[in-house]
Structures are given as structure tokens and as C-alpha cells.
Amino acid sequence: TQDGKNKLLLQDESEIIADQYTSDEIIGMFIDQ
């Protein structure tokens, strides 16, 4: 979280705004990565 925005930084160095995802969806992305 920075500047009020939740962000994901993935292995391929892409950055995703995480606000539209649920915790389960984000954890699923981590597992997939």
C-alpha cells in the first residue's frame, strides 16, 4: 500500500492495482505466480 493505493508487483515485474480484487483472488495470484 502506497499513497492510498493497493498494488501487486508480480514476478514478471508487472504492477497491478489490487483494489478491485478480493483477498482470495490476490492470494490465488500469489499461488499461481
All heavy atoms as atom14 arrays in JSON, in Angstrom:
{
  "sequence": "TQDGKNKLLLQDESEIIADQYTSDEIIGMFIDQ",
  "atom14_mask": [
    [1, 1, 1, 1, 1, 1, 1, 0, 0, 0, 0, 0, 0, 0],
    [1, 1, 1, 1, 1, 1, 1, 1, 1, 0, 0, 0, 0, 0],
    [1, 1, 1, 1, 1, 1, 1, 1, 0, 0, 0, 0, 0, 0],
    [1, 1, 1, 1, 0, 0, 0, 0, 0, 0, 0, 0, 0, 0],
    [1, 1, 1, 1, 1, 1, 1, 1, 1, 0, 0, 0, 0, 0],
    [1, 1, 1, 1, 1, 1, 1, 1, 0, 0, 0, 0, 0, 0],
    [1, 1, 1, 1, 1, 1, 1, 1, 1, 0, 0, 0, 0, 0],
    [1, 1, 1, 1, 1, 1, 1, 1, 0, 0, 0, 0, 0, 0],
    [1, 1, 1, 1, 1, 1, 1, 1, 0, 0, 0, 0, 0, 0],
    [1, 1, 1, 1, 1, 1, 1, 1, 0, 0, 0, 0, 0, 0],
    [1, 1, 1, 1, 1, 1, 1, 1, 1, 0, 0, 0, 0, 0],
    [1, 1, 1, 1, 1, 1, 1, 1, 0, 0, 0, 0, 0, 0],
    [1, 1, 1, 1, 1, 1, 1, 1, 1, 0, 0, 0, 0, 0],
    [1, 1, 1, 1, 1, 1, 0, 0, 0, 0, 0, 0, 0, 0],
    [1, 1, 1, 1, 1, 1, 1, 1, 1, 0, 0, 0, 0, 0],
    [1, 1, 1, 1, 1, 1, 1, 1, 0, 0, 0, 0, 0, 0],
    [1, 1, 1, 1, 1, 1, 1, 1, 0, 0, 0, 0, 0, 0],
    [1, 1, 1, 1, 1, 0, 0, 0, 0, 0, 0, 0, 0, 0],
    [1, 1, 1, 1, 1, 1, 1, 1, 0, 0, 0, 0, 0, 0],
    [1, 1, 1, 1, 1, 1, 1, 1, 1, 0, 0, 0, 0, 0],
    [1, 1, 1, 1, 1, 1, 1, 1, 1, 1, 1, 1, 0, 0],
    [1, 1, 1, 1, 1, 1, 1, 0, 0, 0, 0, 0, 0, 0],
    [1, 1, 1, 1, 1, 1, 0, 0, 0, 0, 0, 0, 0, 0],
    [1, 1, 1, 1, 1, 1, 1, 1, 0, 0, 0, 0, 0, 0],
    [1, 1, 1, 1, 1, 1, 1, 1, 1, 0, 0, 0, 0, 0],
    [1, 1, 1, 1, 1, 1, 1, 1, 0, 0, 0, 0, 0, 0],
    [1, 1, 1, 1, 1, 1, 1, 1, 0, 0, 0, 0, 0, 0],
    [1, 1, 1, 1, 0, 0, 0, 0, 0, 0, 0, 0, 0, 0],
    [1, 1, 1, 1, 1, 1, 1, 1, 0, 0, 0, 0, 0, 0],
    [1, 1, 1, 1, 1, 1, 1, 1, 1, 1, 1, 0, 0, 0],
    [1, 1, 1, 1, 1, 1, 1, 1, 0, 0, 0, 0, 0, 0],
    [1, 1, 1, 1, 1, 1, 1, 1, 0, 0, 0, 0, 0, 0],
    [1, 1, 1, 1, 1, 1, 1, 1, 1, 0, 0, 0, 0, 0]
  ],
  "atom14_positions": [
    [[0.85, -1.17, 0.0], [0.0, 0.0, 0.0], [0.9, 1.23, 0.0], [1.8, 1.33, 0.82], [-0.9, 0.02, 1.25], [-1.71, -1.14, 1.25], [-1.76, 1.25, 1.3], [0.0, 0.0, 0.0], [0.0, 0.0, 0.0], [0.0, 0.0, 0.0], [0.0, 0.0, 0.0], [0.0, 0.0, 0.0], [0.0, 0.0, 0.0], [0.0, 0.0, 0.0]],
    [[0.64, 2.12, -0.96], [1.37, 3.37, -1.01], [0.45, 4.44, -1.59], [-0.26, 4.18, -2.56], [2.63, 3.26, -1.85], [3.48, 4.51, -1.8], [4.83, 4.31, -2.46], [5.04, 3.37, -3.2], [5.74, 5.22, -2.2], [0.0, 0.0, 0.0], [0.0, 0.0, 0.0], [0.0, 0.0, 0.0], [0.0, 0.0, 0.0], [0.0, 0.0, 0.0]],
    [[0.46, 5.58, -0.95], [-0.38, 6.7, -1.4], [-1.85, 6.3, -1.49], [-2.58, 6.72, -2.38], [0.09, 7.24, -2.75], [1.53, 7.72, -2.72], [1.93, 8.27, -1.67], [2.23, 7.55, -3.72], [0.0, 0.0, 0.0], [0.0, 0.0, 0.0], [0.0, 0.0, 0.0], [0.0, 0.0, 0.0], [0.0, 0.0, 0.0], [0.0, 0.0, 0.0]],
    [[-2.28, 5.43, -0.57], [-3.68, 5.02, -0.52], [-4.09, 4.01, -1.58], [-5.26, 3.68, -1.7], [0.0, 0.0, 0.0], [0.0, 0.0, 0.0], [0.0, 0.0, 0.0], [0.0, 0.0, 0.0], [0.0, 0.0, 0.0], [0.0, 0.0, 0.0], [0.0, 0.0, 0.0], [0.0, 0.0, 0.0], [0.0, 0.0, 0.0], [0.0, 0.0, 0.0]],
    [[-3.14, 3.5, -2.35], [-3.44, 2.51, -3.38], [-2.79, 1.18, -3.02], [-1.65, 1.14, -2.57], [-2.92, 2.96, -4.74], [-3.62, 4.18, -5.27], [-3.1, 4.55, -6.64], [-3.8, 5.81, -7.12], [-3.27, 6.31, -8.36], [0.0, 0.0, 0.0], [0.0, 0.0, 0.0], [0.0, 0.0, 0.0], [0.0, 0.0, 0.0], [0.0, 0.0, 0.0]],
    [[-3.53, 0.11, -3.23], [-3.01, -1.25, -3.01], [-2.49, -1.78, -4.33], [-3.19, -1.8, -5.33], [-4.12, -2.15, -2.48], [-4.64, -1.65, -1.15], [-3.87, -1.37, -0.25], [-5.94, -1.51, -1.04], [0.0, 0.0, 0.0], [0.0, 0.0, 0.0], [0.0, 0.0, 0.0], [0.0, 0.0, 0.0], [0.0, 0.0, 0.0], [0.0, 0.0, 0.0]],
    [[-1.22, -2.2, -4.33], [-0.57, -2.63, -5.57], [0.05, -4.01, -5.42], [0.59, -4.34, -4.37], [0.53, -1.64, -5.96], [0.03, -0.24, -6.23], [1.18, 0.69, -6.57], [0.65, 2.11, -6.77], [1.74, 3.05, -7.06], [0.0, 0.0, 0.0], [0.0, 0.0, 0.0], [0.0, 0.0, 0.0], [0.0, 0.0, 0.0], [0.0, 0.0, 0.0]],
    [[-0.01, -4.76, -6.51], [0.68, -6.04, -6.6], [1.86, -5.88, -7.54], [1.73, -5.29, -8.62], [-0.23, -7.12, -7.22], [-1.38, -7.63, -6.4], [-2.3, -8.46, -7.29], [-0.89, -8.45, -5.26], [0.0, 0.0, 0.0], [0.0, 0.0, 0.0], [0.0, 0.0, 0.0], [0.0, 0.0, 0.0], [0.0, 0.0, 0.0], [0.0, 0.0, 0.0]],
    [[3.01, -6.4, -7.15], [4.17, -6.45, -8.04], [4.42, -7.93, -8.3], [4.75, -8.68, -7.38], [5.39, -5.8, -7.41], [6.66, -5.81, -8.26], [6.43, -5.04, -9.56], [7.82, -5.22, -7.5], [0.0, 0.0, 0.0], [0.0, 0.0, 0.0], [0.0, 0.0, 0.0], [0.0, 0.0, 0.0], [0.0, 0.0, 0.0], [0.0, 0.0, 0.0]],
    [[4.22, -8.34, -9.55], [4.32, -9.75, -9.89], [5.71, -10.11, -10.39], [6.52, -9.24, -10.67], [3.25, -10.09, -10.94], [1.81, -9.78, -10.5], [0.85, -10.1, -11.63], [1.44, -10.55, -9.24], [0.0, 0.0, 0.0], [0.0, 0.0, 0.0], [0.0, 0.0, 0.0], [0.0, 0.0, 0.0], [0.0, 0.0, 0.0], [0.0, 0.0, 0.0]],
    [[5.97, -11.41, -10.49], [7.29, -11.91, -10.88], [7.76, -11.34, -12.22], [8.93, -11.07, -12.4], [7.27, -13.44, -10.92], [8.54, -14.08, -11.4], [9.75, -13.79, -10.53], [9.63, -13.59, -9.34], [10.92, -13.76, -11.14], [0.0, 0.0, 0.0], [0.0, 0.0, 0.0], [0.0, 0.0, 0.0], [0.0, 0.0, 0.0], [0.0, 0.0, 0.0]],
    [[6.84, -11.13, -13.13], [7.23, -10.6, -14.45], [7.43, -9.08, -14.41], [7.56, -8.44, -15.45], [6.21, -10.97, -15.52], [4.84, -10.36, -15.27], [4.68, -9.56, -14.33], [3.91, -10.7, -16.02], [0.0, 0.0, 0.0], [0.0, 0.0, 0.0], [0.0, 0.0, 0.0], [0.0, 0.0, 0.0], [0.0, 0.0, 0.0], [0.0, 0.0, 0.0]],
    [[7.45, -8.52, -13.21], [7.67, -7.1, -12.94], [6.5, -6.22, -13.35], [6.61, -5.0, -13.37], [8.98, -6.6, -13.58], [10.2, -7.31, -13.0], [11.51, -6.8, -13.56], [11.54, -5.74, -14.2], [12.52, -7.49, -13.33], [0.0, 0.0, 0.0], [0.0, 0.0, 0.0], [0.0, 0.0, 0.0], [0.0, 0.0, 0.0], [0.0, 0.0, 0.0]],
    [[5.36, -6.84, -13.66], [4.17, -6.04, -13.92], [3.57, -5.59, -12.58], [3.77, -6.24, -11.56], [3.14, -6.83, -14.73], [2.69, -7.96, -14.01], [0.0, 0.0, 0.0], [0.0, 0.0, 0.0], [0.0, 0.0, 0.0], [0.0, 0.0, 0.0], [0.0, 0.0, 0.0], [0.0, 0.0, 0.0], [0.0, 0.0, 0.0], [0.0, 0.0, 0.0]],
    [[2.89, -4.48, -12.64], [2.28, -3.92, -11.43], [0.78, -3.82, -11.67], [0.34, -3.33, -12.71], [2.87, -2.54, -11.16], [2.5, -2.0, -9.81], [3.23, -0.69, -9.53], [4.44, -0.75, -9.23], [2.58, 0.36, -9.61], [0.0, 0.0, 0.0], [0.0, 0.0, 0.0], [0.0, 0.0, 0.0], [0.0, 0.0, 0.0], [0.0, 0.0, 0.0]],
    [[0.01, -4.29, -10.7], [-1.44, -4.3, -10.82], [-2.04, -3.56, -9.63], [-1.61, -3.77, -8.5], [-1.98, -5.76, -10.81], [-1.46, -6.54, -12.01], [-3.5, -5.78, -10.77], [-1.81, -8.01, -11.99], [0.0, 0.0, 0.0], [0.0, 0.0, 0.0], [0.0, 0.0, 0.0], [0.0, 0.0, 0.0], [0.0, 0.0, 0.0], [0.0, 0.0, 0.0]],
    [[-3.01, -2.7, -9.89], [-3.75, -2.08, -8.8], [-4.67, -3.16, -8.23], [-5.47, -3.76, -8.95], [-4.58, -0.87, -9.28], [-3.66, 0.19, -9.89], [-5.41, -0.29, -8.14], [-2.65, 0.8, -8.94], [0.0, 0.0, 0.0], [0.0, 0.0, 0.0], [0.0, 0.0, 0.0], [0.0, 0.0, 0.0], [0.0, 0.0, 0.0], [0.0, 0.0, 0.0]],
    [[-4.54, -3.43, -6.95], [-5.2, -4.58, -6.33], [-6.57, -4.26, -5.73], [-7.24, -5.16, -5.24], [-4.29, -5.15, -5.24], [0.0, 0.0, 0.0], [0.0, 0.0, 0.0], [0.0, 0.0, 0.0], [0.0, 0.0, 0.0], [0.0, 0.0, 0.0], [0.0, 0.0, 0.0], [0.0, 0.0, 0.0], [0.0, 0.0, 0.0], [0.0, 0.0, 0.0]],
    [[-6.98, -3.02, -5.79], [-8.21, -2.61, -5.12], [-9.45, -3.35, -5.61], [-10.4, -3.53, -4.86], [-8.44, -1.11, -5.25], [-7.39, -0.3, -4.52], [-6.81, -0.82, -3.54], [-7.13, 0.84, -4.93], [0.0, 0.0, 0.0], [0.0, 0.0, 0.0], [0.0, 0.0, 0.0], [0.0, 0.0, 0.0], [0.0, 0.0, 0.0], [0.0, 0.0, 0.0]],
    [[-9.47, -3.79, -6.86], [-10.66, -4.43, -7.39], [-10.7, -5.94, -7.11], [-11.66, -6.61, -7.48], [-10.81, -4.18, -8.9], [-9.81, -4.94, -9.76], [-8.62, -4.11, -10.15], [-8.29, -3.12, -9.51], [-7.95, -4.49, -11.22], [0.0, 0.0, 0.0], [0.0, 0.0, 0.0], [0.0, 0.0, 0.0], [0.0, 0.0, 0.0], [0.0, 0.0, 0.0]],
    [[-9.66, -6.49, -6.45], [-9.59, -7.92, -6.19], [-9.88, -8.22, -4.72], [-9.53, -7.44, -3.84], [-8.2, -8.47, -6.55], [-7.87, -8.33, -8.0], [-7.02, -7.33, -8.44], [-8.42, -9.19, -8.94], [-6.71, -7.19, -9.79], [-8.13, -9.05, -10.29], [-7.26, -8.05, -10.71], [-6.96, -7.91, -12.03], [0.0, 0.0, 0.0], [0.0, 0.0, 0.0]],
    [[-10.46, -9.39, -4.47], [-10.67, -9.84, -3.09], [-9.37, -10.43, -2.57], [-8.44, -10.72, -3.34], [-11.76, -10.93, -3.03], [-11.29, -12.1, -3.71], [-13.08, -10.45, -3.63], [0.0, 0.0, 0.0], [0.0, 0.0, 0.0], [0.0, 0.0, 0.0], [0.0, 0.0, 0.0], [0.0, 0.0, 0.0], [0.0, 0.0, 0.0], [0.0, 0.0, 0.0]],
    [[-9.29, -10.63, -1.27], [-8.11, -11.26, -0.68], [-7.87, -12.64, -1.26], [-6.74, -13.01, -1.55], [-8.26, -11.36, 0.84], [-8.19, -10.09, 1.42], [0.0, 0.0, 0.0], [0.0, 0.0, 0.0], [0.0, 0.0, 0.0], [0.0, 0.0, 0.0], [0.0, 0.0, 0.0], [0.0, 0.0, 0.0], [0.0, 0.0, 0.0], [0.0, 0.0, 0.0]],
    [[-8.94, -13.42, -1.45], [-8.8, -14.75, -2.02], [-8.24, -14.7, -3.44], [-7.41, -15.53, -3.81], [-10.14, -15.5, -2.02], [-10.56, -15.94, -0.62], [-9.69, -16.03, 0.27], [-11.76, -16.21, -0.44], [0.0, 0.0, 0.0], [0.0, 0.0, 0.0], [0.0, 0.0, 0.0], [0.0, 0.0, 0.0], [0.0, 0.0, 0.0], [0.0, 0.0, 0.0]],
    [[-8.68, -13.74, -4.22], [-8.17, -13.61, -5.59], [-6.69, -13.23, -5.59], [-5.91, -13.76, -6.39], [-8.98, -12.56, -6.36], [-10.39, -13.0, -6.69], [-11.24, -11.88, -7.27], [-11.1, -10.7, -6.86], [-12.06, -12.19, -8.15], [0.0, 0.0, 0.0], [0.0, 0.0, 0.0], [0.0, 0.0, 0.0], [0.0, 0.0, 0.0], [0.0, 0.0, 0.0]],
    [[-6.3, -12.33, -4.71], [-4.89, -11.92, -4.63], [-4.03, -13.07, -4.17], [-2.96, -13.34, -4.74], [-4.74, -10.7, -3.7], [-5.44, -9.48, -4.32], [-3.26, -10.4, -3.43], [-5.59, -8.3, -3.39], [0.0, 0.0, 0.0], [0.0, 0.0, 0.0], [0.0, 0.0, 0.0], [0.0, 0.0, 0.0], [0.0, 0.0, 0.0], [0.0, 0.0, 0.0]],
    [[-4.47, -13.78, -3.16], [-3.71, -14.94, -2.68], [-3.62, -15.99, -3.79], [-2.57, -16.61, -3.98], [-4.33, -15.5, -1.38], [-4.06, -14.51, -0.25], [-3.77, -16.88, -1.07], [-4.78, -14.8, 1.04], [0.0, 0.0, 0.0], [0.0, 0.0, 0.0], [0.0, 0.0, 0.0], [0.0, 0.0, 0.0], [0.0, 0.0, 0.0], [0.0, 0.0, 0.0]],
    [[-4.69, -16.15, -4.56], [-4.66, -17.07, -5.7], [-3.62, -16.65, -6.73], [-2.92, -17.5, -7.3], [0.0, 0.0, 0.0], [0.0, 0.0, 0.0], [0.0, 0.0, 0.0], [0.0, 0.0, 0.0], [0.0, 0.0, 0.0], [0.0, 0.0, 0.0], [0.0, 0.0, 0.0], [0.0, 0.0, 0.0], [0.0, 0.0, 0.0], [0.0, 0.0, 0.0]],
    [[-3.49, -15.34, -6.97], [-2.46, -14.84, -7.89], [-1.07, -15.15, -7.36], [-0.19, -15.55, -8.12], [-2.6, -13.33, -8.08], [-3.76, -12.92, -8.93], [-3.73, -11.1, -9.14], [-5.46, -10.74, -9.09], [0.0, 0.0, 0.0], [0.0, 0.0, 0.0], [0.0, 0.0, 0.0], [0.0, 0.0, 0.0], [0.0, 0.0, 0.0], [0.0, 0.0, 0.0]],
    [[-0.87, -14.99, -6.06], [0.43, -15.3, -5.46], [0.74, -16.78, -5.64], [1.86, -17.14, -6.03], [0.44, -14.93, -3.98], [0.89, -13.53, -3.7], [0.27, -12.45, -4.29], [1.94, -13.29, -2.84], [0.7, -11.15, -4.04], [2.37, -12.0, -2.57], [1.76, -10.94, -3.17], [0.0, 0.0, 0.0], [0.0, 0.0, 0.0], [0.0, 0.0, 0.0]],
    [[-0.23, -17.63, -5.37], [-0.04, -19.08, -5.53], [0.32, -19.41, -6.97], [1.26, -20.16, -7.24], [-1.29, -19.84, -5.06], [-1.43, -19.73, -3.53], [-1.25, -21.31, -5.5], [-2.76, -20.21, -2.98], [0.0, 0.0, 0.0], [0.0, 0.0, 0.0], [0.0, 0.0, 0.0], [0.0, 0.0, 0.0], [0.0, 0.0, 0.0], [0.0, 0.0, 0.0]],
    [[-0.43, -18.85, -7.92], [-0.15, -19.09, -9.34], [1.25, -18.63, -9.72], [1.96, -19.33, -10.45], [-1.18, -18.38, -10.22], [-2.57, -18.98, -10.12], [-2.71, -20.11, -9.6], [-3.53, -18.3, -10.54], [0.0, 0.0, 0.0], [0.0, 0.0, 0.0], [0.0, 0.0, 0.0], [0.0, 0.0, 0.0], [0.0, 0.0, 0.0], [0.0, 0.0, 0.0]],
    [[1.65, -17.45, -9.23], [2.98, -16.92, -9.55], [4.09, -17.83, -9.0], [5.07, -18.1, -9.68], [3.14, -15.52, -8.95], [2.31, -14.46, -9.64], [2.98, -13.97, -10.91], [4.07, -13.45, -10.89], [2.31, -14.15, -12.02], [0.0, 0.0, 0.0], [0.0, 0.0, 0.0], [0.0, 0.0, 0.0], [0.0, 0.0, 0.0], [0.0, 0.0, 0.0]]
  ]
}
